[in-house]
Amino acid sequence: MNKPKWTAKKYMGDDSYSWAVVDKNYLPKGHRGVVFDYLPQGAVAYTGLTQSSAKYYAKHLNSNKQELL
């Protein structure tokens, strides 16, 4: 599998704490909007975040090229 490309996405909800850090490789090409499908265990790094914290974690994971888990 390709190296993970982390991004911040809305995940399974519509409140302010429903942001997650998701691997782009598991999303369909051109995906926009909320992710309502359950993804495999390695596809989601963090859940239950605000938008700003999700963007921070995605940027941090992409810059280090390693997982924090």
PDB file of N, CA and C in Angstrom:
ATOM      1  N   MET A   1       0.842  -1.186   0.000  1.00  0.00           N
ATOM      2  CA  MET A   1       0.000   0.000   0.000  1.00  0.00           C
ATOM      3  C   MET A   1       0.879   1.239   0.000  1.00  0.00           C
ATOM      4  N   ASN A   2       0.360   2.307  -0.545  1.00  0.00           N
ATOM      5  CA  ASN A   2       1.079   3.576  -0.575  1.00  0.00           C
ATOM      6  C   ASN A   2       1.225   4.149   0.823  1.00  0.00           C
ATOM      7  N   LYS A   3       2.160   5.079   0.963  1.00  0.00           N
ATOM      8  CA  LYS A   3       2.296   5.766   2.248  1.00  0.00           C
ATOM      9  C   LYS A   3       1.019   6.538   2.535  1.00  0.00           C
ATOM     10  N   PRO A   4       0.638   6.629   3.796  1.00  0.00           N
ATOM     11  CA  PRO A   4      -0.594   7.361   4.121  1.00  0.00           C
ATOM     12  C   PRO A   4      -0.456   8.855   3.834  1.00  0.00           C
ATOM     13  N   LYS A   5      -1.534   9.441   3.336  1.00  0.00           N
ATOM     14  CA  LYS A   5      -1.640  10.882   3.127  1.00  0.00           C
ATOM     15  C   LYS A   5      -2.795  11.343   4.002  1.00  0.00           C
ATOM     16  N   TRP A   6      -2.472  11.936   5.123  1.00  0.00           N
ATOM     17  CA  TRP A   6      -3.482  12.276   6.118  1.00  0.00           C
ATOM     18  C   TRP A   6      -4.165  13.583   5.787  1.00  0.00           C
ATOM     19  N   THR A   7      -5.472  13.628   6.055  1.00  0.00           N
ATOM     20  CA  THR A   7      -6.272  14.823   5.831  1.00  0.00           C
ATOM     21  C   THR A   7      -7.345  14.919   6.915  1.00  0.00           C
ATOM     22  N   ALA A   8      -7.821  16.129   7.157  1.00  0.00           N
ATOM     23  CA  ALA A   8      -8.890  16.360   8.138  1.00  0.00           C
ATOM     24  C   ALA A   8     -10.233  16.299   7.419  1.00  0.00           C
ATOM     25  N   LYS A   9     -11.147  15.457   7.918  1.00  0.00           N
ATOM     26  CA  LYS A   9     -12.478  15.301   7.322  1.00  0.00           C
ATOM     27  C   LYS A   9     -13.523  15.214   8.417  1.00  0.00           C
ATOM     28  N   LYS A  10     -14.746  15.640   8.083  1.00  0.00           N
ATOM     29  CA  LYS A  10     -15.875  15.397   8.979  1.00  0.00           C
ATOM     30  C   LYS A  10     -16.130  13.896   8.968  1.00  0.00           C
ATOM     31  N   TYR A  11     -16.361  13.297  10.126  1.00  0.00           N
ATOM     32  CA  TYR A  11     -16.488  11.850  10.216  1.00  0.00           C
ATOM     33  C   TYR A  11     -17.636  11.466  11.130  1.00  0.00           C
ATOM     34  N   MET A  12     -18.657  10.879  10.558  1.00  0.00           N
ATOM     35  CA  MET A  12     -19.776  10.286  11.303  1.00  0.00           C
ATOM     36  C   MET A  12     -20.541  11.266  12.183  1.00  0.00           C
ATOM     37  N   GLY A  13     -20.737  12.484  11.738  1.00  0.00           N
ATOM     38  CA  GLY A  13     -21.515  13.401  12.554  1.00  0.00           C
ATOM     39  C   GLY A  13     -21.564  14.787  11.971  1.00  0.00           C
ATOM     40  N   ASP A  14     -22.287  15.650  12.675  1.00  0.00           N
ATOM     41  CA  ASP A  14     -22.418  17.017  12.187  1.00  0.00           C
ATOM     42  C   ASP A  14     -22.188  18.047  13.282  1.00  0.00           C
ATOM     43  N   ASP A  15     -21.616  17.660  14.413  1.00  0.00           N
ATOM     44  CA  ASP A  15     -21.337  18.636  15.450  1.00  0.00           C
ATOM     45  C   ASP A  15     -19.890  19.110  15.348  1.00  0.00           C
ATOM     46  N   SER A  16     -19.486  19.993  16.226  1.00  0.00           N
ATOM     47  CA  SER A  16     -18.157  20.587  16.121  1.00  0.00           C
ATOM     48  C   SER A  16     -17.033  19.619  16.502  1.00  0.00           C
ATOM     49  N   TYR A  17     -17.352  18.529  17.194  1.00  0.00           N
ATOM     50  CA  TYR A  17     -16.334  17.554  17.585  1.00  0.00           C
ATOM     51  C   TYR A  17     -16.395  16.277  16.747  1.00  0.00           C
ATOM     52  N   SER A  18     -16.834  16.380  15.504  1.00  0.00           N
ATOM     53  CA  SER A  18     -16.927  15.183  14.664  1.00  0.00           C
ATOM     54  C   SER A  18     -15.897  15.201  13.544  1.00  0.00           C
ATOM     55  N   TRP A  19     -14.770  15.835  13.775  1.00  0.00           N
ATOM     56  CA  TRP A  19     -13.690  15.831  12.801  1.00  0.00           C
ATOM     57  C   TRP A  19     -12.721  14.699  13.110  1.00  0.00           C
ATOM     58  N   ALA A  20     -12.107  14.175  12.060  1.00  0.00           N
ATOM     59  CA  ALA A  20     -11.155  13.069  12.214  1.00  0.00           C
ATOM     60  C   ALA A  20      -9.987  13.271  11.251  1.00  0.00           C
ATOM     61  N   VAL A  21      -8.885  12.601  11.554  1.00  0.00           N
ATOM     62  CA  VAL A  21      -7.727  12.569  10.664  1.00  0.00           C
ATOM     63  C   VAL A  21      -7.803  11.251   9.919  1.00  0.00           C
ATOM     64  N   VAL A  22      -7.998  11.329   8.590  1.00  0.00           N
ATOM     65  CA  VAL A  22      -8.281  10.164   7.757  1.00  0.00           C
ATOM     66  C   VAL A  22      -7.218  10.052   6.669  1.00  0.00           C
ATOM     67  N   ASP A  23      -6.854   8.810   6.319  1.00  0.00           N
ATOM     68  CA  ASP A  23      -5.929   8.559   5.219  1.00  0.00           C
ATOM     69  C   ASP A  23      -6.672   8.724   3.898  1.00  0.00           C
ATOM     70  N   LYS A  24      -6.173   9.603   3.024  1.00  0.00           N
ATOM     71  CA  LYS A  24      -6.825   9.858   1.737  1.00  0.00           C
ATOM     72  C   LYS A  24      -6.898   8.623   0.853  1.00  0.00           C
ATOM     73  N   ASN A  25      -5.986   7.676   1.039  1.00  0.00           N
ATOM     74  CA  ASN A  25      -5.953   6.484   0.192  1.00  0.00           C
ATOM     75  C   ASN A  25      -7.217   5.638   0.331  1.00  0.00           C
ATOM     76  N   TYR A  26      -7.941   5.775   1.440  1.00  0.00           N
ATOM     77  CA  TYR A  26      -9.151   4.984   1.670  1.00  0.00           C
ATOM     78  C   TYR A  26     -10.421   5.689   1.195  1.00  0.00           C
ATOM     79  N   LEU A  27     -10.300   6.932   0.741  1.00  0.00           N
ATOM     80  CA  LEU A  27     -11.463   7.679   0.272  1.00  0.00           C
ATOM     81  C   LEU A  27     -11.543   7.609  -1.253  1.00  0.00           C
ATOM     82  N   PRO A  28     -12.741   7.673  -1.808  1.00  0.00           N
ATOM     83  CA  PRO A  28     -12.863   7.709  -3.269  1.00  0.00           C
ATOM     84  C   PRO A  28     -12.228   8.983  -3.823  1.00  0.00           C
ATOM     85  N   LYS A  29     -11.700   8.897  -5.036  1.00  0.00           N
ATOM     86  CA  LYS A  29     -11.049  10.051  -5.652  1.00  0.00           C
ATOM     87  C   LYS A  29     -12.055  11.196  -5.798  1.00  0.00           C
ATOM     88  N   GLY A  30     -11.654  12.382  -5.388  1.00  0.00           N
ATOM     89  CA  GLY A  30     -12.517  13.547  -5.481  1.00  0.00           C
ATOM     90  C   GLY A  30     -13.572  13.645  -4.395  1.00  0.00           C
ATOM     91  N   HIS A  31     -13.430  12.879  -3.321  1.00  0.00           N
ATOM     92  CA  HIS A  31     -14.427  12.888  -2.250  1.00  0.00           C
ATOM     93  C   HIS A  31     -14.499  14.251  -1.589  1.00  0.00           C
ATOM     94  N   ARG A  32     -15.728  14.735  -1.421  1.00  0.00           N
ATOM     95  CA  ARG A  32     -15.982  15.990  -0.723  1.00  0.00           C
ATOM     96  C   ARG A  32     -17.123  15.754   0.251  1.00  0.00           C
ATOM     97  N   GLY A  33     -17.064  16.397   1.374  1.00  0.00           N
ATOM     98  CA  GLY A  33     -18.155  16.295   2.327  1.00  0.00           C
ATOM     99  C   GLY A  33     -17.833  15.375   3.486  1.00  0.00           C
ATOM    100  N   VAL A  34     -18.891  14.971   4.177  1.00  0.00           N
ATOM    101  CA  VAL A  34     -18.777  14.169   5.394  1.00  0.00           C
ATOM    102  C   VAL A  34     -18.568  12.702   5.041  1.00  0.00           C
ATOM    103  N   VAL A  35     -17.704  12.026   5.797  1.00  0.00           N
ATOM    104  CA  VAL A  35     -17.482  10.592   5.621  1.00  0.00           C
ATOM    105  C   VAL A  35     -18.483   9.868   6.508  1.00  0.00           C
ATOM    106  N   PHE A  36     -19.426   9.154   5.896  1.00  0.00           N
ATOM    107  CA  PHE A  36     -20.443   8.429   6.652  1.00  0.00           C
ATOM    108  C   PHE A  36     -20.229   6.922   6.636  1.00  0.00           C
ATOM    109  N   ASP A  37     -19.177   6.449   5.992  1.00  0.00           N
ATOM    110  CA  ASP A  37     -18.888   5.017   5.947  1.00  0.00           C
ATOM    111  C   ASP A  37     -17.832   4.684   6.980  1.00  0.00           C
ATOM    112  N   TYR A  38     -17.970   3.494   7.580  1.00  0.00           N
ATOM    113  CA  TYR A  38     -16.935   3.039   8.493  1.00  0.00           C
ATOM    114  C   TYR A  38     -15.710   2.670   7.681  1.00  0.00           C
ATOM    115  N   LEU A  39     -14.553   3.121   8.116  1.00  0.00           N
ATOM    116  CA  LEU A  39     -13.303   2.854   7.422  1.00  0.00           C
ATOM    117  C   LEU A  39     -12.495   1.823   8.199  1.00  0.00           C
ATOM    118  N   PRO A  40     -11.556   1.125   7.555  1.00  0.00           N
ATOM    119  CA  PRO A  40     -10.715   0.153   8.268  1.00  0.00           C
ATOM    120  C   PRO A  40      -9.920   0.822   9.394  1.00  0.00           C
ATOM    121  N   GLN A  41      -9.420   0.005  10.287  1.00  0.00           N
ATOM    122  CA  GLN A  41      -8.752   0.504  11.481  1.00  0.00           C
ATOM    123  C   GLN A  41      -7.549   1.400  11.155  1.00  0.00           C
ATOM    124  N   GLY A  42      -6.767   1.090  10.144  1.00  0.00           N
ATOM    125  CA  GLY A  42      -5.598   1.884   9.815  1.00  0.00           C
ATOM    126  C   GLY A  42      -5.900   3.148   9.039  1.00  0.00           C
ATOM    127  N   ALA A  43      -7.140   3.344   8.643  1.00  0.00           N
ATOM    128  CA  ALA A  43      -7.510   4.493   7.822  1.00  0.00           C
ATOM    129  C   ALA A  43      -7.810   5.737   8.642  1.00  0.00           C
ATOM    130  N   VAL A  44      -8.070   5.590   9.922  1.00  0.00           N
ATOM    131  CA  VAL A  44      -8.421   6.723  10.777  1.00  0.00           C
ATOM    132  C   VAL A  44      -7.409   6.792  11.913  1.00  0.00           C
ATOM    133  N   ALA A  45      -6.720   7.944  12.026  1.00  0.00           N
ATOM    134  CA  ALA A  45      -5.720   8.099  13.088  1.00  0.00           C
ATOM    135  C   ALA A  45      -6.347   8.645  14.367  1.00  0.00           C
ATOM    136  N   TYR A  46      -7.177   9.696  14.243  1.00  0.00           N
ATOM    137  CA  TYR A  46      -7.806  10.324  15.402  1.00  0.00           C
ATOM    138  C   TYR A  46      -9.250  10.664  15.065  1.00  0.00           C
ATOM    139  N   THR A  47     -10.124  10.603  16.057  1.00  0.00           N
ATOM    140  CA  THR A  47     -11.520  11.010  15.889  1.00  0.00           C
ATOM    141  C   THR A  47     -11.916  11.893  17.071  1.00  0.00           C
ATOM    142  N   GLY A  48     -13.072  12.541  16.957  1.00  0.00           N
ATOM    143  CA  GLY A  48     -13.582  13.362  18.048  1.00  0.00           C
ATOM    144  C   GLY A  48     -12.841  14.671  18.223  1.00  0.00           C
ATOM    145  N   LEU A  49     -12.333  15.237  17.132  1.00  0.00           N
ATOM    146  CA  LEU A  49     -11.547  16.457  17.198  1.00  0.00           C
ATOM    147  C   LEU A  49     -12.328  17.647  16.662  1.00  0.00           C
ATOM    148  N   THR A  50     -11.858  18.837  16.982  1.00  0.00           N
ATOM    149  CA  THR A  50     -12.377  20.043  16.344  1.00  0.00           C
ATOM    150  C   THR A  50     -11.675  20.195  14.999  1.00  0.00           C
ATOM    151  N   GLN A  51     -12.163  21.089  14.162  1.00  0.00           N
ATOM    152  CA  GLN A  51     -11.576  21.257  12.836  1.00  0.00           C
ATOM    153  C   GLN A  51     -10.122  21.708  12.924  1.00  0.00           C
ATOM    154  N   SER A  52      -9.827  22.646  13.788  1.00  0.00           N
ATOM    155  CA  SER A  52      -8.458  23.157  13.874  1.00  0.00           C
ATOM    156  C   SER A  52      -7.496  22.104  14.416  1.00  0.00           C
ATOM    157  N   SER A  53      -7.901  21.322  15.399  1.00  0.00           N
ATOM    158  CA  SER A  53      -7.008  20.287  15.925  1.00  0.00           C
ATOM    159  C   SER A  53      -6.836  19.150  14.922  1.00  0.00           C
ATOM    160  N   ALA A  54      -7.864  18.831  14.157  1.00  0.00           N
ATOM    161  CA  ALA A  54      -7.735  17.790  13.131  1.00  0.00           C
ATOM    162  C   ALA A  54      -6.744  18.221  12.045  1.00  0.00           C
ATOM    163  N   LYS A  55      -6.825  19.483  11.634  1.00  0.00           N
ATOM    164  CA  LYS A  55      -5.864  19.991  10.643  1.00  0.00           C
ATOM    165  C   LYS A  55      -4.449  19.960  11.194  1.00  0.00           C
ATOM    166  N   TYR A  56      -4.278  20.300  12.465  1.00  0.00           N
ATOM    167  CA  TYR A  56      -2.954  20.276  13.091  1.00  0.00           C
ATOM    168  C   TYR A  56      -2.375  18.864  13.085  1.00  0.00           C
ATOM    169  N   TYR A  57      -3.162  17.877  13.529  1.00  0.00           N
ATOM    170  CA  TYR A  57      -2.674  16.500  13.574  1.00  0.00           C
ATOM    171  C   TYR A  57      -2.375  15.955  12.177  1.00  0.00           C
ATOM    172  N   ALA A  58      -3.195  16.302  11.189  1.00  0.00           N
ATOM    173  CA  ALA A  58      -2.948  15.855   9.815  1.00  0.00           C
ATOM    174  C   ALA A  58      -1.637  16.435   9.298  1.00  0.00           C
ATOM    175  N   LYS A  59      -1.423  17.713   9.539  1.00  0.00           N
ATOM    176  CA  LYS A  59      -0.178  18.362   9.105  1.00  0.00           C
ATOM    177  C   LYS A  59       1.021  17.736   9.806  1.00  0.00           C
ATOM    178  N   HIS A  60       0.885  17.464  11.094  1.00  0.00           N
ATOM    179  CA  HIS A  60       1.980  16.875  11.864  1.00  0.00           C
ATOM    180  C   HIS A  60       2.304  15.460  11.377  1.00  0.00           C
ATOM    181  N   LEU A  61       1.285  14.646  11.130  1.00  0.00           N
ATOM    182  CA  LEU A  61       1.520  13.286  10.644  1.00  0.00           C
ATOM    183  C   LEU A  61       2.142  13.290   9.257  1.00  0.00           C
ATOM    184  N   ASN A  62       1.731  14.196   8.385  1.00  0.00           N
ATOM    185  CA  ASN A  62       2.293  14.263   7.038  1.00  0.00           C
ATOM    186  C   ASN A  62       3.727  14.768   7.045  1.00  0.00           C
ATOM    187  N   SER A  63       4.064  15.675   7.959  1.00  0.00           N
ATOM    188  CA  SER A  63       5.415  16.227   7.980  1.00  0.00           C
ATOM    189  C   SER A  63       6.432  15.240   8.542  1.00  0.00           C
ATOM    190  N   ASN A  64       6.018  14.436   9.503  1.00  0.00           N
ATOM    191  CA  ASN A  64       6.951  13.492  10.118  1.00  0.00           C
ATOM    192  C   ASN A  64       7.035  12.175   9.371  1.00  0.00           C
ATOM    193  N   LYS A  65       6.055  11.891   8.524  1.00  0.00           N
ATOM    194  CA  LYS A  65       6.009  10.619   7.799  1.00  0.00           C
ATOM    195  C   LYS A  65       6.063   9.418   8.730  1.00  0.00           C
ATOM    196  N   GLN A  66       5.507   9.576   9.913  1.00  0.00           N
ATOM    197  CA  GLN A  66       5.423   8.469  10.856  1.00  0.00           C
ATOM    198  C   GLN A  66       4.134   8.612  11.647  1.00  0.00           C
ATOM    199  N   GLU A  67       3.701   7.528  12.225  1.00  0.00           N
ATOM    200  CA  GLU A  67       2.460   7.565  13.000  1.00  0.00           C
ATOM    201  C   GLU A  67       2.759   7.883  14.455  1.00  0.00           C
ATOM    202  N   LEU A  68       1.836   8.593  15.066  1.00  0.00           N
ATOM    203  CA  LEU A  68       1.979   8.932  16.471  1.00  0.00           C
ATOM    204  C   LEU A  68       1.374   7.879  17.385  1.00  0.00           C
ATOM    205  N   LEU A  69       0.672   6.924  16.820  1.00  0.00           N
ATOM    206  CA  LEU A  69      -0.068   5.957  17.637  1.00  0.00           C
ATOM    207  C   LEU A  69       0.818   5.023  18.362  1.00  0.00           C
TER     208      LEU A  69
END
